[in-house]
Each structure stands twice: as structure tokens, then as C-alpha cells.
Amino acid sequence: MSEDRRGGTRPGPWGLIACAWALVFAAAHFYWALGGDLGLAVSAGPLAEERPGWFVLVGLWGVGALCLVGAALGWLLSGSRPDGAAERVVTALGWCACAVLLARGLAVEALLLFDTAGRWVEVSAEQRLWTLLLWNPWFVVGGLAFGLAARGSGRKRNPRAPSG
């Protein structure tokens, strides 16, 4: 947070970073939904080859659409909006996005690192590597961006809140 010319506070860049994160993820899902396959096999395994209708509809188009909602949320967290209930709802949704993304990234990372799922889940060595090095950290970065944006948004309401 920083002061603007009118003496109020401006949100930091985290909302825009969260917005960009979600747009990149949406673009990847729409690319895959339209038939692209670069990177899909290492993230979705056999589903990438089979492409059942439910997977394309929910896992690609649906997740892409949800990412667009996340991009709008990041945009709202980055700018000014009405005070009161609307701001509290946007901030709460930012914290929810943070929690879901961090939980997804850290939980799957732990499951793969400790091989908790064992023989019940088939994960190729290549899939495991890309998930550990790219996908899970990607979710953690998104979670941190939404969390920092929500934190900054909440501070906008109370500019005297201590920074740090």
C-alpha cells in the first residue's frame, strides 16, 4: 500500500499480479479445450489422450471460466471499489482464493513428495516431476498473490493498520 495524491491509500500490485496469474491459467485451459496439447499430458496424464467429454467441459472449459472469474477478482482487489459490504465480500473472496490455491498446491506437493497415495494413484515419473516443479509451485504463487492482494485490500479500509 502507498499513499496517493489525495492522501488516501492505493493498493499494491498484488491484485494485478493475481489477475495476470489467473489470465495465464485461463489461456492455458482454453488452449487445451480447443485441442492444444502442449503441456497437457504432463498435467492430466491419460485424460489428456482420451479427452472424455466431461473432462473437456468441466476440467478445461470450466476451469478456464473459473480462472476468468479469478482474474476479475484480482482486478477488483487491485483497484478502488465501494466501501462497506462490497469491499468486505471482495476481500473475503480473495482470502478464499488464497486458501484454495495454497491448499491445492501444498497438499498435492506433499502427497507426491511423500508418496502418500501409493499404488492407488498412477502417476508417471514425468508427470510427478512436472507437477512437483511447475504445477504445484504455480498454484502456490497464485495463492500468495491472492492472499497478498486480499491483505492489501483489507488495509485500504483501515489505512492506520500497521504495515509489515
C-alpha atoms as a PDB file:
ATOM      1  CA  MET A   1       0.000   0.000   0.000  1.00  0.00           C
ATOM      2  CA  SER A   2       1.146   3.501  -0.749  1.00  0.00           C
ATOM      3  CA  GLU A   3      -0.353   6.970  -0.461  1.00  0.00           C
ATOM      4  CA  ASP A   4      -1.892   8.650  -3.464  1.00  0.00           C
ATOM      5  CA  ARG A   5      -2.027  12.409  -4.153  1.00  0.00           C
ATOM      6  CA  ARG A   6      -5.324  12.818  -2.311  1.00  0.00           C
ATOM      7  CA  GLY A   7      -3.914  11.378   0.917  1.00  0.00           C
ATOM      8  CA  GLY A   8      -5.746   8.060   0.554  1.00  0.00           C
ATOM      9  CA  THR A   9      -4.154   4.698   0.047  1.00  0.00           C
ATOM     10  CA  ARG A  10      -3.615   2.816  -3.198  1.00  0.00           C
ATOM     11  CA  PRO A  11      -3.497  -0.954  -3.305  1.00  0.00           C
ATOM     12  CA  GLY A  12      -0.159  -2.516  -4.139  1.00  0.00           C
ATOM     13  CA  PRO A  13       0.466  -4.545  -7.279  1.00  0.00           C
ATOM     14  CA  TRP A  14      -0.723  -7.882  -5.873  1.00  0.00           C
ATOM     15  CA  GLY A  15      -4.253  -7.672  -7.221  1.00  0.00           C
ATOM     16  CA  LEU A  16      -2.917  -7.086 -10.730  1.00  0.00           C
ATOM     17  CA  ILE A  17      -0.444  -9.934 -10.291  1.00  0.00           C
ATOM     18  CA  ALA A  18      -3.297 -12.219  -9.175  1.00  0.00           C
ATOM     19  CA  CYS A  19      -5.332 -11.053 -12.179  1.00  0.00           C
ATOM     20  CA  ALA A  20      -2.461 -11.805 -14.582  1.00  0.00           C
ATOM     21  CA  TRP A  21      -1.853 -15.192 -12.921  1.00  0.00           C
ATOM     22  CA  ALA A  22      -5.493 -16.156 -13.460  1.00  0.00           C
ATOM     23  CA  LEU A  23      -5.498 -14.916 -17.074  1.00  0.00           C
ATOM     24  CA  VAL A  24      -2.433 -17.002 -17.936  1.00  0.00           C
ATOM     25  CA  PHE A  25      -4.040 -20.071 -16.368  1.00  0.00           C
ATOM     26  CA  ALA A  26      -7.332 -19.377 -18.201  1.00  0.00           C
ATOM     27  CA  ALA A  27      -5.488 -19.047 -21.520  1.00  0.00           C
ATOM     28  CA  ALA A  28      -3.772 -22.414 -20.984  1.00  0.00           C
ATOM     29  CA  HIS A  29      -7.085 -24.129 -20.231  1.00  0.00           C
ATOM     30  CA  PHE A  30      -8.834 -22.576 -23.240  1.00  0.00           C
ATOM     31  CA  TYR A  31      -5.902 -23.605 -25.455  1.00  0.00           C
ATOM     32  CA  TRP A  32      -6.245 -27.183 -24.215  1.00  0.00           C
ATOM     33  CA  ALA A  33     -10.049 -27.105 -24.542  1.00  0.00           C
ATOM     34  CA  LEU A  34      -9.678 -26.071 -28.185  1.00  0.00           C
ATOM     35  CA  GLY A  35      -7.481 -29.109 -28.867  1.00  0.00           C
ATOM     36  CA  GLY A  36      -3.992 -27.920 -27.936  1.00  0.00           C
ATOM     37  CA  ASP A  37      -1.876 -30.477 -26.170  1.00  0.00           C
ATOM     38  CA  LEU A  38       1.407 -28.780 -25.247  1.00  0.00           C
ATOM     39  CA  GLY A  39       1.888 -29.470 -21.535  1.00  0.00           C
ATOM     40  CA  LEU A  40      -1.466 -31.167 -21.038  1.00  0.00           C
ATOM     41  CA  ALA A  41      -0.162 -34.745 -20.960  1.00  0.00           C
ATOM     42  CA  VAL A  42       2.213 -33.998 -18.101  1.00  0.00           C
ATOM     43  CA  SER A  43      -0.547 -32.341 -16.090  1.00  0.00           C
ATOM     44  CA  ALA A  44      -3.566 -34.539 -16.834  1.00  0.00           C
ATOM     45  CA  GLY A  45      -1.964 -37.871 -17.670  1.00  0.00           C
ATOM     46  CA  PRO A  46      -4.222 -40.341 -19.507  1.00  0.00           C
ATOM     47  CA  LEU A  47      -7.140 -37.864 -19.560  1.00  0.00           C
ATOM     48  CA  ALA A  48      -5.105 -35.756 -21.987  1.00  0.00           C
ATOM     49  CA  GLU A  49      -5.045 -38.584 -24.513  1.00  0.00           C
ATOM     50  CA  GLU A  50      -8.607 -39.805 -24.017  1.00  0.00           C
ATOM     51  CA  ARG A  51     -10.219 -36.342 -23.616  1.00  0.00           C
ATOM     52  CA  PRO A  52     -13.589 -37.565 -22.362  1.00  0.00           C
ATOM     53  CA  GLY A  53     -16.393 -35.018 -22.788  1.00  0.00           C
ATOM     54  CA  TRP A  54     -16.750 -34.347 -19.047  1.00  0.00           C
ATOM     55  CA  PHE A  55     -13.027 -33.575 -18.793  1.00  0.00           C
ATOM     56  CA  VAL A  56     -13.086 -31.104 -21.686  1.00  0.00           C
ATOM     57  CA  LEU A  57     -16.286 -29.449 -20.433  1.00  0.00           C
ATOM     58  CA  VAL A  58     -15.503 -29.265 -16.707  1.00  0.00           C
ATOM     59  CA  GLY A  59     -11.734 -29.642 -16.453  1.00  0.00           C
ATOM     60  CA  LEU A  60     -10.788 -27.387 -19.352  1.00  0.00           C
ATOM     61  CA  TRP A  61     -13.650 -25.014 -20.289  1.00  0.00           C
ATOM     62  CA  GLY A  62     -14.981 -24.899 -16.719  1.00  0.00           C
ATOM     63  CA  VAL A  63     -11.629 -24.265 -15.079  1.00  0.00           C
ATOM     64  CA  GLY A  64     -10.828 -21.674 -17.765  1.00  0.00           C
ATOM     65  CA  ALA A  65     -14.084 -19.859 -16.991  1.00  0.00           C
ATOM     66  CA  LEU A  66     -13.385 -20.057 -13.255  1.00  0.00           C
ATOM     67  CA  CYS A  67      -9.964 -18.548 -13.916  1.00  0.00           C
ATOM     68  CA  LEU A  68     -11.659 -15.611 -15.678  1.00  0.00           C
ATOM     69  CA  VAL A  69     -13.749 -15.092 -12.531  1.00  0.00           C
ATOM     70  CA  GLY A  70     -10.483 -15.190 -10.561  1.00  0.00           C
ATOM     71  CA  ALA A  71      -8.982 -12.603 -12.925  1.00  0.00           C
ATOM     72  CA  ALA A  72     -11.956 -10.311 -12.281  1.00  0.00           C
ATOM     73  CA  LEU A  73     -11.481 -10.832  -8.539  1.00  0.00           C
ATOM     74  CA  GLY A  74      -7.789  -9.941  -8.815  1.00  0.00           C
ATOM     75  CA  TRP A  75      -8.736  -6.817 -10.780  1.00  0.00           C
ATOM     76  CA  LEU A  76     -11.246  -5.823  -8.099  1.00  0.00           C
ATOM     77  CA  LEU A  77      -8.648  -6.407  -5.389  1.00  0.00           C
ATOM     78  CA  SER A  78      -6.245  -4.115  -7.238  1.00  0.00           C
ATOM     79  CA  GLY A  79      -8.456  -1.070  -7.568  1.00  0.00           C
ATOM     80  CA  SER A  80     -10.885   1.057  -5.714  1.00  0.00           C
ATOM     81  CA  ARG A  81     -14.462  -0.030  -5.251  1.00  0.00           C
ATOM     82  CA  PRO A  82     -17.305   0.985  -2.961  1.00  0.00           C
ATOM     83  CA  ASP A  83     -16.598   0.728   0.733  1.00  0.00           C
ATOM     84  CA  GLY A  84     -18.689  -1.382   3.018  1.00  0.00           C
ATOM     85  CA  ALA A  85     -20.176  -4.766   2.288  1.00  0.00           C
ATOM     86  CA  ALA A  86     -18.977  -4.983  -1.336  1.00  0.00           C
ATOM     87  CA  GLU A  87     -15.396  -4.420  -0.299  1.00  0.00           C
ATOM     88  CA  ARG A  88     -15.641  -6.954   2.506  1.00  0.00           C
ATOM     89  CA  VAL A  89     -17.085  -9.558   0.106  1.00  0.00           C
ATOM     90  CA  VAL A  90     -14.292  -8.997  -2.433  1.00  0.00           C
ATOM     91  CA  THR A  91     -11.646  -9.203   0.303  1.00  0.00           C
ATOM     92  CA  ALA A  92     -13.210 -12.393   1.721  1.00  0.00           C
ATOM     93  CA  LEU A  93     -13.284 -13.951  -1.760  1.00  0.00           C
ATOM     94  CA  GLY A  94      -9.625 -13.027  -2.167  1.00  0.00           C
ATOM     95  CA  TRP A  95      -8.805 -14.861   1.066  1.00  0.00           C
ATOM     96  CA  CYS A  96     -10.874 -17.862  -0.107  1.00  0.00           C
ATOM     97  CA  ALA A  97      -8.979 -17.977  -3.421  1.00  0.00           C
ATOM     98  CA  CYS A  98      -5.721 -17.779  -1.465  1.00  0.00           C
ATOM     99  CA  ALA A  99      -6.711 -20.679   0.804  1.00  0.00           C
ATOM    100  CA  VAL A 100      -7.938 -22.934  -2.024  1.00  0.00           C
ATOM    101  CA  LEU A 101      -4.883 -22.352  -4.222  1.00  0.00           C
ATOM    102  CA  LEU A 102      -2.390 -22.777  -1.382  1.00  0.00           C
ATOM    103  CA  ALA A 103      -4.149 -25.905  -0.125  1.00  0.00           C
ATOM    104  CA  ARG A 104      -4.180 -27.411  -3.613  1.00  0.00           C
ATOM    105  CA  GLY A 105      -0.540 -26.620  -4.323  1.00  0.00           C
ATOM    106  CA  LEU A 106       0.850 -27.663  -0.946  1.00  0.00           C
ATOM    107  CA  ALA A 107      -1.359 -30.741  -0.462  1.00  0.00           C
ATOM    108  CA  VAL A 108      -0.563 -32.262  -3.857  1.00  0.00           C
ATOM    109  CA  GLU A 109       3.108 -31.412  -3.383  1.00  0.00           C
ATOM    110  CA  ALA A 110       3.129 -33.251  -0.049  1.00  0.00           C
ATOM    111  CA  LEU A 111       1.185 -36.220  -1.458  1.00  0.00           C
ATOM    112  CA  LEU A 112       3.698 -36.619  -4.277  1.00  0.00           C
ATOM    113  CA  LEU A 113       6.810 -35.985  -2.200  1.00  0.00           C
ATOM    114  CA  PHE A 114       5.802 -38.482   0.477  1.00  0.00           C
ATOM    115  CA  ASP A 115       4.112 -40.897  -1.959  1.00  0.00           C
ATOM    116  CA  THR A 116       1.067 -40.922   0.311  1.00  0.00           C
ATOM    117  CA  ALA A 117      -1.358 -42.062  -2.389  1.00  0.00           C
ATOM    118  CA  GLY A 118       0.867 -45.064  -3.031  1.00  0.00           C
ATOM    119  CA  ARG A 119      -0.400 -47.619  -5.526  1.00  0.00           C
ATOM    120  CA  TRP A 120      -3.953 -46.199  -5.640  1.00  0.00           C
ATOM    121  CA  VAL A 121      -2.923 -43.354  -7.942  1.00  0.00           C
ATOM    122  CA  GLU A 122      -0.892 -43.931 -11.079  1.00  0.00           C
ATOM    123  CA  VAL A 123       1.471 -41.026 -11.665  1.00  0.00           C
ATOM    124  CA  SER A 124       4.245 -41.348 -14.225  1.00  0.00           C
ATOM    125  CA  ALA A 125       7.751 -40.160 -13.386  1.00  0.00           C
ATOM    126  CA  GLU A 126       7.408 -37.337 -15.938  1.00  0.00           C
ATOM    127  CA  GLN A 127       4.027 -36.301 -14.514  1.00  0.00           C
ATOM    128  CA  ARG A 128       5.440 -36.329 -10.972  1.00  0.00           C
ATOM    129  CA  LEU A 129       8.434 -34.201 -11.998  1.00  0.00           C
ATOM    130  CA  TRP A 130       6.370 -31.557 -13.816  1.00  0.00           C
ATOM    131  CA  THR A 131       3.791 -31.458 -11.049  1.00  0.00           C
ATOM    132  CA  LEU A 132       6.448 -31.002  -8.357  1.00  0.00           C
ATOM    133  CA  LEU A 133       8.483 -28.420 -10.287  1.00  0.00           C
ATOM    134  CA  LEU A 134       5.841 -26.483 -12.220  1.00  0.00           C
ATOM    135  CA  TRP A 135       2.173 -27.048 -11.403  1.00  0.00           C
ATOM    136  CA  ASN A 136       2.211 -27.097  -7.609  1.00  0.00           C
ATOM    137  CA  PRO A 137       4.522 -24.077  -7.320  1.00  0.00           C
ATOM    138  CA  TRP A 138       2.231 -22.317  -9.847  1.00  0.00           C
ATOM    139  CA  PHE A 139      -0.738 -22.854  -7.503  1.00  0.00           C
ATOM    140  CA  VAL A 140       1.299 -21.636  -4.520  1.00  0.00           C
ATOM    141  CA  VAL A 141       2.314 -18.463  -6.395  1.00  0.00           C
ATOM    142  CA  GLY A 142      -1.338 -17.810  -7.279  1.00  0.00           C
ATOM    143  CA  GLY A 143      -2.401 -18.398  -3.691  1.00  0.00           C
ATOM    144  CA  LEU A 144       0.231 -15.999  -2.391  1.00  0.00           C
ATOM    145  CA  ALA A 145      -0.751 -13.340  -4.938  1.00  0.00           C
ATOM    146  CA  PHE A 146      -4.438 -13.533  -3.965  1.00  0.00           C
ATOM    147  CA  GLY A 147      -3.555 -13.550  -0.267  1.00  0.00           C
ATOM    148  CA  LEU A 148      -1.309 -10.510  -0.536  1.00  0.00           C
ATOM    149  CA  ALA A 149      -3.954  -8.731  -2.640  1.00  0.00           C
ATOM    150  CA  ALA A 150      -6.654  -9.515  -0.053  1.00  0.00           C
ATOM    151  CA  ARG A 151      -4.354  -8.339   2.730  1.00  0.00           C
ATOM    152  CA  GLY A 152      -3.722  -5.073   0.888  1.00  0.00           C
ATOM    153  CA  SER A 153      -7.426  -4.675   0.177  1.00  0.00           C
ATOM    154  CA  GLY A 154      -8.296  -5.065   3.847  1.00  0.00           C
ATOM    155  CA  ARG A 155      -5.687  -2.453   4.763  1.00  0.00           C
ATOM    156  CA  LYS A 156      -7.215   0.003   2.337  1.00  0.00           C
ATOM    157  CA  ARG A 157     -10.245   0.077   4.586  1.00  0.00           C
ATOM    158  CA  ASN A 158      -8.109   0.768   7.638  1.00  0.00           C
ATOM    159  CA  PRO A 159      -5.132   2.854   6.458  1.00  0.00           C
ATOM    160  CA  ARG A 160      -3.800   3.149  10.005  1.00  0.00           C
ATOM    161  CA  ALA A 161      -3.266  -0.622  10.208  1.00  0.00           C
ATOM    162  CA  PRO A 162       0.407  -1.360  10.878  1.00  0.00           C
ATOM    163  CA  SER A 163       2.367  -2.423   7.821  1.00  0.00           C
ATOM    164  CA  GLY A 164       4.592  -5.437   7.870  1.00  0.00           C
END
